[in-house]
Amino acid sequence: MQTRVTLADSAQLPVYRRPIFLLFLMAFAMPIAFNTWSALLNNFVIEVAGFTGVEIGWLHTVREIPGFLAVGVIALMMLFREQVLGIVALLLLGVATALTAYFPSFGGILTLTMLSSIGFHYYETVNQSLQLQWIDKARAPQVIGWLMAAGSAASLLAYGLLVATWKTFDLSYSFVYMVGGGVTVLIALYCMFAFPQFESPNPQLKKFILRKRYWLYYTLQFMAGARRQIFVVFAAFMMVEKFGFDVHQVTSLFMINFVINMIVAPLMGRLVGARGERFVLLLEYAGLVLVFLAYGGLYWFGWGVLMASALYVIDHMLFGLAFALKTYFQKIADPQDIAPTAAVAFTINHIAAVFLPAALGYLWIVSPSAVFILAASLACVSFGLGLLIPRHPEKGNETILAARFRARARG
């Protein structure tokens, strides 16, 4: 990446060298490494490294630390351009994934997990920032929906190939990790050298910022992180513990999710564009209340595996609506605040990840349904906060309260 091109001038480039195409390539590359790593992880650490529950707990704790420290992106922005930083983070994720099986000790796996997690979380932070800077506000919901569909397609490809070839060709962990990580590395290297450096019209602040007028965005990010942890940690665990799902059955659920997201994500983008962020986020939060209560019903009423599988798919689909939170922030933010606020928001989103899984693990032993009731309660709080989003958010109209305060001041 030698030449520098403004976003306005990038429209003169061939389609395959434009900023949007770069975003699509990175959106496709990341899930290949990440989903290869996560699909094999539990079997690998048990069969090869002899992990018990203690080591698994430490591994997931280490995995979440970089997300909590995503504000470190702000410091790195002083040394690297965001585009370069995002591609280097993607490269780190690919390399760490490729090398995972070559360090089968406790210390080796934790080290590779930390490196891959830094790559994943820093890529996600920068990627969110670049999306909001490079995509026009009017087109953002639709384009981000298509980017989600590209990521789902890559995830489906990774899982599908794994299911089709693992037993058929008696593949080894080292081979699959090397291929999955290697593909991501190759795409990252292509992104590094095939695209010019794109100049955003609004240089980003390179310092830590917290603005009072973003308070609703910060709060919704925290609530989203808390709900996400409950879903990620306990929903799939329930499928195995209560219904005895095997690896291929859980993987099949993931594949169903990705197929649905490929179809639904672009439609979600249209829905945000047509009805606004408030409507879509309230739809997400209301749906999650019902889904989490239904999860509890699996224990109260003894509903079967088909209901559990349907709820898992619906749950995953509803979480896909969360990208409306990105476009809400894009509309209310100062253009130069996007990058540092993306880093701060990512850290806020991961606060719950530090303590919630361990704490709720003890509650799960006592009452699994209580964990899902808590999740439903968090979704209810999110719904209440979502009511504060205006129909047409913008700077100065971040919440309906801001509009009312301005009306009173004029009165």
Protein backbone atom coordinates (compact mmCIF):
# COMPACT_ATOMS: atom_id res chain seq x y z
CA MET A 1 0.00 0.00 0.00
CA GLN A 2 2.01 2.96 -1.29
CA THR A 3 -0.33 5.46 -2.94
CA ARG A 4 -2.92 7.42 -1.02
CA VAL A 5 -6.38 7.96 -2.45
CA THR A 6 -9.22 10.02 -1.03
CA LEU A 7 -12.60 8.37 -0.63
CA ALA A 8 -14.03 10.69 -3.26
CA ASP A 9 -11.32 9.77 -5.79
CA SER A 10 -11.65 6.04 -5.00
CA ALA A 11 -14.86 6.00 -7.06
CA GLN A 12 -12.63 6.25 -10.15
CA LEU A 13 -10.80 3.02 -9.27
CA PRO A 14 -11.85 -0.41 -10.57
CA VAL A 15 -14.47 -2.03 -8.34
CA TYR A 16 -11.96 -4.60 -7.05
CA ARG A 17 -9.70 -1.82 -5.68
CA ARG A 18 -12.31 0.30 -3.94
CA PRO A 19 -12.79 0.64 -0.15
CA ILE A 20 -16.04 -1.34 -0.10
CA PHE A 21 -14.39 -4.28 -1.84
CA LEU A 22 -11.58 -4.20 0.74
CA LEU A 23 -14.18 -4.31 3.53
CA PHE A 24 -15.83 -7.31 1.87
CA LEU A 25 -12.52 -9.16 1.54
CA MET A 26 -11.67 -8.61 5.20
CA ALA A 27 -15.23 -9.54 6.27
CA PHE A 28 -14.78 -12.81 4.37
CA ALA A 29 -11.24 -13.53 5.62
CA MET A 30 -11.76 -13.12 9.36
CA PRO A 31 -14.41 -15.85 9.93
CA ILE A 32 -12.33 -18.46 8.08
CA ALA A 33 -9.56 -18.35 10.69
CA PHE A 34 -11.78 -17.64 13.68
CA ASN A 35 -14.35 -20.35 12.98
CA THR A 36 -11.68 -22.93 12.15
CA TRP A 37 -10.07 -22.17 15.50
CA SER A 38 -13.32 -22.28 17.46
CA ALA A 39 -14.76 -25.38 15.71
CA LEU A 40 -11.79 -27.55 16.67
CA LEU A 41 -10.89 -25.93 19.97
CA ASN A 42 -12.73 -28.10 22.50
CA ASN A 43 -11.76 -31.39 20.88
CA PHE A 44 -8.16 -30.25 20.37
CA VAL A 45 -7.50 -29.10 23.93
CA ILE A 46 -9.08 -32.25 25.42
CA GLU A 47 -7.66 -34.87 23.07
CA VAL A 48 -4.21 -33.38 22.45
CA ALA A 49 -3.48 -31.13 25.42
CA GLY A 50 -5.46 -32.97 28.11
CA PHE A 51 -7.35 -29.90 29.31
CA THR A 52 -9.79 -30.10 32.20
CA GLY A 53 -12.39 -27.54 33.25
CA VAL A 54 -9.70 -25.52 35.03
CA GLU A 55 -7.58 -25.03 31.92
CA ILE A 56 -10.64 -24.32 29.75
CA GLY A 57 -11.72 -21.62 32.21
CA TRP A 58 -8.31 -19.97 32.03
CA LEU A 59 -8.30 -20.18 28.24
CA HIS A 60 -11.60 -18.32 27.92
CA THR A 61 -10.50 -15.75 30.47
CA VAL A 62 -7.35 -15.09 28.44
CA ARG A 63 -9.39 -14.98 25.23
CA GLU A 64 -11.56 -12.13 26.50
CA ILE A 65 -8.76 -9.92 27.89
CA PRO A 66 -7.91 -8.26 24.53
CA GLY A 67 -11.56 -7.33 24.03
CA PHE A 68 -11.59 -5.61 27.40
CA LEU A 69 -8.35 -3.82 26.43
CA ALA A 70 -9.56 -2.74 22.99
CA VAL A 71 -8.87 0.88 23.95
CA GLY A 72 -5.24 0.01 23.18
CA VAL A 73 -6.18 0.56 19.55
CA ILE A 74 -6.15 4.29 20.26
CA ALA A 75 -2.47 4.15 21.21
CA LEU A 76 -1.63 2.07 18.13
CA MET A 77 -3.39 4.62 15.93
CA MET A 78 -0.64 7.06 16.87
CA LEU A 79 1.87 4.76 15.15
CA PHE A 80 -0.16 3.13 12.35
CA ARG A 81 -2.90 4.13 9.97
CA GLU A 82 -6.21 2.44 10.74
CA GLN A 83 -6.30 0.56 7.44
CA VAL A 84 -2.82 -0.86 8.06
CA LEU A 85 -3.66 -1.67 11.68
CA GLY A 86 -6.80 -3.57 10.69
CA ILE A 87 -4.96 -5.68 8.10
CA VAL A 88 -2.05 -6.40 10.47
CA ALA A 89 -4.56 -7.51 13.14
CA LEU A 90 -6.20 -9.80 10.58
CA LEU A 91 -2.77 -11.16 9.67
CA LEU A 92 -2.01 -11.84 13.34
CA LEU A 93 -5.28 -13.76 13.72
CA GLY A 94 -4.41 -15.92 10.71
CA VAL A 95 -0.83 -16.65 11.77
CA ALA A 96 -1.82 -17.51 15.36
CA THR A 97 -4.57 -19.83 14.11
CA ALA A 98 -2.20 -21.57 11.68
CA LEU A 99 0.33 -22.26 14.45
CA THR A 100 -2.13 -23.37 17.16
CA ALA A 101 -1.60 -27.13 16.81
CA TYR A 102 2.18 -26.82 16.96
CA PHE A 103 2.12 -25.66 20.60
CA PRO A 104 -0.08 -28.25 22.38
CA SER A 105 1.01 -27.37 25.93
CA PHE A 106 -1.03 -25.30 28.39
CA GLY A 107 1.31 -22.33 28.09
CA GLY A 108 1.59 -22.65 24.32
CA ILE A 109 -2.16 -22.77 23.74
CA LEU A 110 -2.77 -19.80 26.05
CA THR A 111 -0.08 -17.81 24.26
CA LEU A 112 -1.52 -18.56 20.80
CA THR A 113 -5.02 -17.87 22.12
CA MET A 114 -3.90 -14.48 23.41
CA LEU A 115 -2.27 -13.61 20.07
CA SER A 116 -5.25 -14.72 17.99
CA SER A 117 -7.60 -12.88 20.34
CA ILE A 118 -5.59 -9.67 20.00
CA GLY A 119 -5.83 -10.05 16.24
CA PHE A 120 -9.57 -10.76 16.34
CA HIS A 121 -10.59 -8.03 18.77
CA TYR A 122 -8.34 -5.32 17.33
CA TYR A 123 -9.48 -6.21 13.82
CA GLU A 124 -13.12 -5.99 14.88
CA THR A 125 -12.54 -2.61 16.54
CA VAL A 126 -10.80 -1.10 13.52
CA ASN A 127 -13.17 -2.76 11.06
CA GLN A 128 -16.19 -1.19 12.75
CA SER A 129 -14.50 2.20 12.61
CA LEU A 130 -13.59 1.86 8.92
CA GLN A 131 -17.09 0.76 8.01
CA LEU A 132 -18.63 3.84 9.61
CA GLN A 133 -16.03 6.16 8.03
CA TRP A 134 -16.03 4.69 4.52
CA ILE A 135 -19.72 3.89 4.00
CA ASP A 136 -22.14 6.73 3.36
CA LYS A 137 -24.77 7.13 6.08
CA ALA A 138 -27.62 6.65 3.64
CA ARG A 139 -26.23 3.32 2.41
CA ALA A 140 -24.70 2.07 5.68
CA PRO A 141 -27.55 -0.24 6.83
CA GLN A 142 -27.75 -2.03 3.48
CA VAL A 143 -23.98 -2.31 2.94
CA ILE A 144 -23.30 -3.50 6.50
CA GLY A 145 -26.05 -6.09 6.00
CA TRP A 146 -24.22 -7.37 2.91
CA LEU A 147 -20.93 -7.41 4.84
CA MET A 148 -22.61 -9.58 7.48
CA ALA A 149 -23.82 -11.88 4.72
CA ALA A 150 -20.24 -12.18 3.39
CA GLY A 151 -19.02 -13.13 6.85
CA SER A 152 -21.76 -15.72 7.16
CA ALA A 153 -20.81 -17.17 3.78
CA ALA A 154 -17.19 -17.54 4.90
CA SER A 155 -18.29 -19.15 8.17
CA LEU A 156 -20.54 -21.55 6.29
CA LEU A 157 -17.67 -22.45 3.97
CA ALA A 158 -15.30 -23.12 6.89
CA TYR A 159 -17.80 -25.29 8.80
CA GLY A 160 -19.05 -27.04 5.68
CA LEU A 161 -15.58 -28.06 4.53
CA LEU A 162 -14.72 -29.20 8.04
CA VAL A 163 -17.82 -31.39 8.33
CA ALA A 164 -17.31 -32.82 4.83
CA THR A 165 -13.60 -33.60 5.08
CA TRP A 166 -12.67 -34.19 8.73
CA LYS A 167 -13.57 -37.87 8.93
CA THR A 168 -13.56 -38.59 5.20
CA PHE A 169 -9.86 -37.75 4.84
CA ASP A 170 -8.84 -38.33 8.47
CA LEU A 171 -7.44 -34.81 8.72
CA SER A 172 -5.10 -33.75 11.51
CA TYR A 173 -5.52 -30.72 13.75
CA SER A 174 -2.24 -29.25 12.50
CA PHE A 175 -3.34 -29.50 8.85
CA VAL A 176 -6.77 -27.93 9.38
CA TYR A 177 -5.45 -25.11 11.57
CA MET A 178 -2.70 -24.42 9.04
CA VAL A 179 -5.13 -24.28 6.13
CA GLY A 180 -7.74 -22.17 7.95
CA GLY A 181 -5.20 -19.69 9.28
CA GLY A 182 -3.20 -19.76 6.04
CA VAL A 183 -6.16 -18.73 3.89
CA THR A 184 -6.75 -15.74 6.15
CA VAL A 185 -3.04 -14.84 5.98
CA LEU A 186 -3.06 -14.95 2.17
CA ILE A 187 -6.16 -12.73 1.94
CA ALA A 188 -4.67 -10.29 4.48
CA LEU A 189 -1.43 -10.07 2.48
CA TYR A 190 -3.42 -9.41 -0.69
CA CYS A 191 -5.32 -6.65 1.12
CA MET A 192 -2.02 -5.19 2.31
CA PHE A 193 -0.46 -4.84 -1.15
CA ALA A 194 -3.34 -4.69 -3.65
CA PHE A 195 -5.12 -1.62 -2.28
CA PRO A 196 -4.02 2.00 -1.93
CA GLN A 197 -4.30 3.76 1.41
CA PHE A 198 -7.70 5.38 1.55
CA GLU A 199 -7.85 8.85 3.07
CA SER A 200 -10.94 9.60 5.14
CA PRO A 201 -12.11 13.22 4.82
CA ASN A 202 -12.29 13.46 8.62
CA PRO A 203 -8.99 12.70 10.44
CA GLN A 204 -9.69 10.68 13.58
CA LEU A 205 -8.88 11.84 17.10
CA LYS A 206 -6.02 9.79 18.52
CA LYS A 207 -6.93 10.02 22.18
CA PHE A 208 -9.28 8.44 24.68
CA ILE A 209 -12.65 10.20 24.68
CA LEU A 210 -15.90 9.79 26.59
CA ARG A 211 -18.69 12.17 25.63
CA LYS A 212 -21.81 12.64 27.73
CA ARG A 213 -24.01 12.86 24.69
CA TYR A 214 -23.03 9.29 23.70
CA TRP A 215 -24.23 7.89 27.03
CA LEU A 216 -27.12 5.91 25.53
CA TYR A 217 -24.80 4.28 22.96
CA TYR A 218 -22.34 3.32 25.71
CA THR A 219 -25.11 1.86 27.87
CA LEU A 220 -26.63 -0.17 25.04
CA GLN A 221 -23.16 -1.51 24.22
CA PHE A 222 -22.71 -2.70 27.81
CA MET A 223 -26.12 -4.39 27.82
CA ALA A 224 -25.40 -6.03 24.46
CA GLY A 225 -22.12 -7.43 25.78
CA ALA A 226 -23.81 -8.89 28.85
CA ARG A 227 -26.53 -10.60 26.80
CA ARG A 228 -23.98 -11.85 24.28
CA GLN A 229 -21.97 -13.56 26.99
CA ILE A 230 -25.02 -15.42 28.26
CA PHE A 231 -25.88 -16.57 24.75
CA VAL A 232 -22.34 -17.55 23.74
CA VAL A 233 -21.46 -19.34 26.96
CA PHE A 234 -24.72 -20.98 28.01
CA ALA A 235 -26.99 -21.45 24.97
CA ALA A 236 -24.70 -23.92 23.17
CA PHE A 237 -23.70 -25.48 26.51
CA MET A 238 -27.38 -26.16 27.18
CA MET A 239 -27.70 -27.95 23.83
CA VAL A 240 -24.94 -30.35 24.87
CA GLU A 241 -25.73 -30.74 28.57
CA LYS A 242 -29.52 -31.03 28.39
CA PHE A 243 -30.06 -32.55 24.93
CA GLY A 244 -26.80 -34.44 24.42
CA PHE A 245 -25.81 -32.81 21.13
CA ASP A 246 -22.67 -34.19 19.48
CA VAL A 247 -20.05 -32.02 17.77
CA HIS A 248 -21.55 -32.49 14.32
CA GLN A 249 -25.03 -31.58 15.60
CA VAL A 250 -23.85 -28.33 17.19
CA THR A 251 -21.87 -27.57 14.02
CA SER A 252 -25.01 -28.19 11.96
CA LEU A 253 -26.85 -25.60 14.04
CA PHE A 254 -24.06 -23.11 13.36
CA MET A 255 -24.34 -23.84 9.64
CA ILE A 256 -28.09 -23.29 9.69
CA ASN A 257 -27.50 -19.95 11.41
CA PHE A 258 -25.03 -18.85 8.77
CA VAL A 259 -27.30 -19.87 5.86
CA ILE A 260 -30.16 -17.88 7.38
CA ASN A 261 -27.90 -14.88 8.02
CA MET A 262 -26.71 -14.90 4.39
CA ILE A 263 -30.34 -14.48 3.34
CA VAL A 264 -31.68 -12.33 6.17
CA ALA A 265 -28.79 -9.91 6.84
CA PRO A 266 -29.28 -7.86 3.63
CA LEU A 267 -33.03 -7.74 4.37
CA MET A 268 -32.23 -6.51 7.88
CA GLY A 269 -30.17 -3.74 6.31
CA ARG A 270 -33.16 -2.71 4.20
CA LEU A 271 -35.37 -2.78 7.28
CA VAL A 272 -33.04 -0.41 9.14
CA GLY A 273 -32.99 1.91 6.15
CA ALA A 274 -36.79 1.89 5.88
CA ARG A 275 -37.90 1.91 9.54
CA GLY A 276 -34.89 3.30 11.39
CA GLU A 277 -32.62 2.08 14.15
CA ARG A 278 -35.18 2.57 16.93
CA PHE A 279 -37.71 0.17 15.37
CA VAL A 280 -35.12 -2.51 14.57
CA LEU A 281 -33.39 -2.41 17.96
CA LEU A 282 -36.74 -2.56 19.79
CA LEU A 283 -37.64 -5.54 17.60
CA GLU A 284 -34.36 -7.22 18.58
CA TYR A 285 -34.78 -6.56 22.30
CA ALA A 286 -38.44 -7.66 22.40
CA GLY A 287 -37.60 -10.81 20.48
CA LEU A 288 -34.73 -11.62 22.84
CA VAL A 289 -37.00 -11.24 25.88
CA LEU A 290 -39.33 -13.88 24.43
CA VAL A 291 -36.49 -16.18 23.35
CA PHE A 292 -34.72 -16.11 26.73
CA LEU A 293 -38.00 -16.75 28.55
CA ALA A 294 -38.61 -19.66 26.19
CA TYR A 295 -35.14 -21.00 27.02
CA GLY A 296 -36.30 -21.05 30.62
CA GLY A 297 -39.44 -22.87 29.44
CA LEU A 298 -37.26 -25.71 28.17
CA TYR A 299 -36.60 -26.50 31.84
CA TRP A 300 -40.02 -25.55 33.22
CA PHE A 301 -42.21 -27.38 30.69
CA GLY A 302 -39.86 -30.00 29.30
CA TRP A 303 -40.00 -28.79 25.69
CA GLY A 304 -38.01 -30.95 23.32
CA VAL A 305 -34.95 -30.69 21.15
CA LEU A 306 -36.75 -29.23 18.11
CA MET A 307 -37.96 -26.28 20.15
CA ALA A 308 -34.47 -25.80 21.61
CA SER A 309 -32.90 -25.85 18.14
CA ALA A 310 -35.45 -23.39 16.77
CA LEU A 311 -34.87 -21.02 19.68
CA TYR A 312 -31.10 -21.21 19.16
CA VAL A 313 -31.46 -20.24 15.49
CA ILE A 314 -33.92 -17.41 16.25
CA ASP A 315 -31.65 -16.18 19.04
CA HIS A 316 -28.68 -16.01 16.69
CA MET A 317 -30.75 -14.25 14.02
CA LEU A 318 -32.00 -11.60 16.46
CA PHE A 319 -28.46 -10.81 17.54
CA GLY A 320 -27.77 -10.04 13.90
CA LEU A 321 -30.03 -6.99 14.22
CA ALA A 322 -27.48 -5.43 16.58
CA PHE A 323 -25.66 -3.77 13.67
CA ALA A 324 -28.40 -1.10 13.88
CA LEU A 325 -26.51 0.10 16.95
CA LYS A 326 -23.53 0.85 14.69
CA THR A 327 -25.57 2.98 12.32
CA TYR A 328 -27.25 4.76 15.25
CA PHE A 329 -23.83 5.83 16.46
CA GLN A 330 -22.76 6.81 12.93
CA LYS A 331 -25.68 9.25 12.78
CA ILE A 332 -25.06 10.92 16.15
CA ALA A 333 -21.24 11.00 16.16
CA ASP A 334 -18.78 13.70 15.28
CA PRO A 335 -16.94 12.24 12.26
CA GLN A 336 -13.55 12.48 14.01
CA ASP A 337 -14.89 10.54 17.03
CA ILE A 338 -15.64 7.29 15.20
CA ALA A 339 -12.30 5.48 15.66
CA PRO A 340 -11.63 6.29 19.34
CA THR A 341 -15.27 5.71 20.28
CA ALA A 342 -15.28 2.34 18.49
CA ALA A 343 -12.35 1.32 20.71
CA VAL A 344 -14.04 2.59 23.87
CA ALA A 345 -17.34 0.93 22.93
CA PHE A 346 -15.62 -2.40 22.29
CA THR A 347 -14.09 -2.25 25.77
CA ILE A 348 -17.45 -1.35 27.33
CA ASN A 349 -19.05 -4.23 25.43
CA HIS A 350 -16.52 -6.63 27.00
CA ILE A 351 -16.77 -5.45 30.61
CA ALA A 352 -19.35 -8.15 31.36
CA ALA A 353 -17.11 -10.78 29.77
CA VAL A 354 -14.62 -10.37 32.60
CA PHE A 355 -16.94 -11.50 35.37
CA LEU A 356 -20.33 -12.63 34.05
CA PRO A 357 -19.55 -16.14 32.69
CA ALA A 358 -17.79 -17.25 35.88
CA ALA A 359 -20.44 -15.76 38.16
CA LEU A 360 -23.35 -17.20 36.21
CA GLY A 361 -21.62 -20.57 36.09
CA TYR A 362 -22.35 -20.92 39.80
CA LEU A 363 -25.98 -19.83 39.24
CA TRP A 364 -26.26 -22.38 36.41
CA ILE A 365 -25.46 -25.20 38.81
CA VAL A 366 -28.34 -24.11 41.04
CA SER A 367 -30.88 -23.18 38.31
CA PRO A 368 -30.18 -23.00 34.56
CA SER A 369 -33.55 -21.35 34.00
CA ALA A 370 -32.54 -18.51 36.35
CA VAL A 371 -29.64 -17.67 34.02
CA PHE A 372 -32.05 -17.21 31.12
CA ILE A 373 -34.48 -15.22 33.28
CA LEU A 374 -31.61 -12.86 34.04
CA ALA A 375 -30.87 -12.61 30.31
CA ALA A 376 -34.54 -11.79 29.64
CA SER A 377 -34.37 -9.10 32.31
CA LEU A 378 -31.31 -7.56 30.64
CA ALA A 379 -33.18 -7.57 27.31
CA CYS A 380 -36.10 -5.81 29.04
CA VAL A 381 -33.75 -3.10 30.29
CA SER A 382 -32.35 -2.76 26.77
CA PHE A 383 -35.89 -2.38 25.42
CA GLY A 384 -36.54 0.42 27.88
CA LEU A 385 -33.33 2.16 26.86
CA GLY A 386 -34.16 1.62 23.18
CA LEU A 387 -37.34 3.66 23.63
CA LEU A 388 -35.08 6.68 24.17
CA ILE A 389 -33.70 6.47 20.60
CA PRO A 390 -35.30 9.09 18.32
CA ARG A 391 -36.86 8.08 15.02
CA HIS A 392 -34.28 10.22 13.22
CA PRO A 393 -31.13 10.34 15.39
CA GLU A 394 -28.46 12.92 14.60
CA LYS A 395 -25.94 15.10 16.38
CA GLY A 396 -27.89 17.11 18.93
CA ASN A 397 -30.77 14.65 18.75
CA GLU A 398 -29.07 11.62 20.28
CA THR A 399 -32.02 10.71 22.52
CA ILE A 400 -35.65 11.78 22.80
CA LEU A 401 -34.66 13.38 26.12
CA ALA A 402 -32.21 15.66 24.31
CA ALA A 403 -34.98 16.82 22.00
CA ARG A 404 -37.29 17.53 24.94
CA PHE A 405 -34.62 19.46 26.81
CA ARG A 406 -34.02 21.62 23.73
CA ALA A 407 -37.77 22.25 23.39
CA ARG A 408 -37.99 23.33 27.02
CA ALA A 409 -34.96 25.58 26.63
CA ARG A 410 -36.56 27.31 23.62
CA GLY A 411 -39.83 27.58 25.51
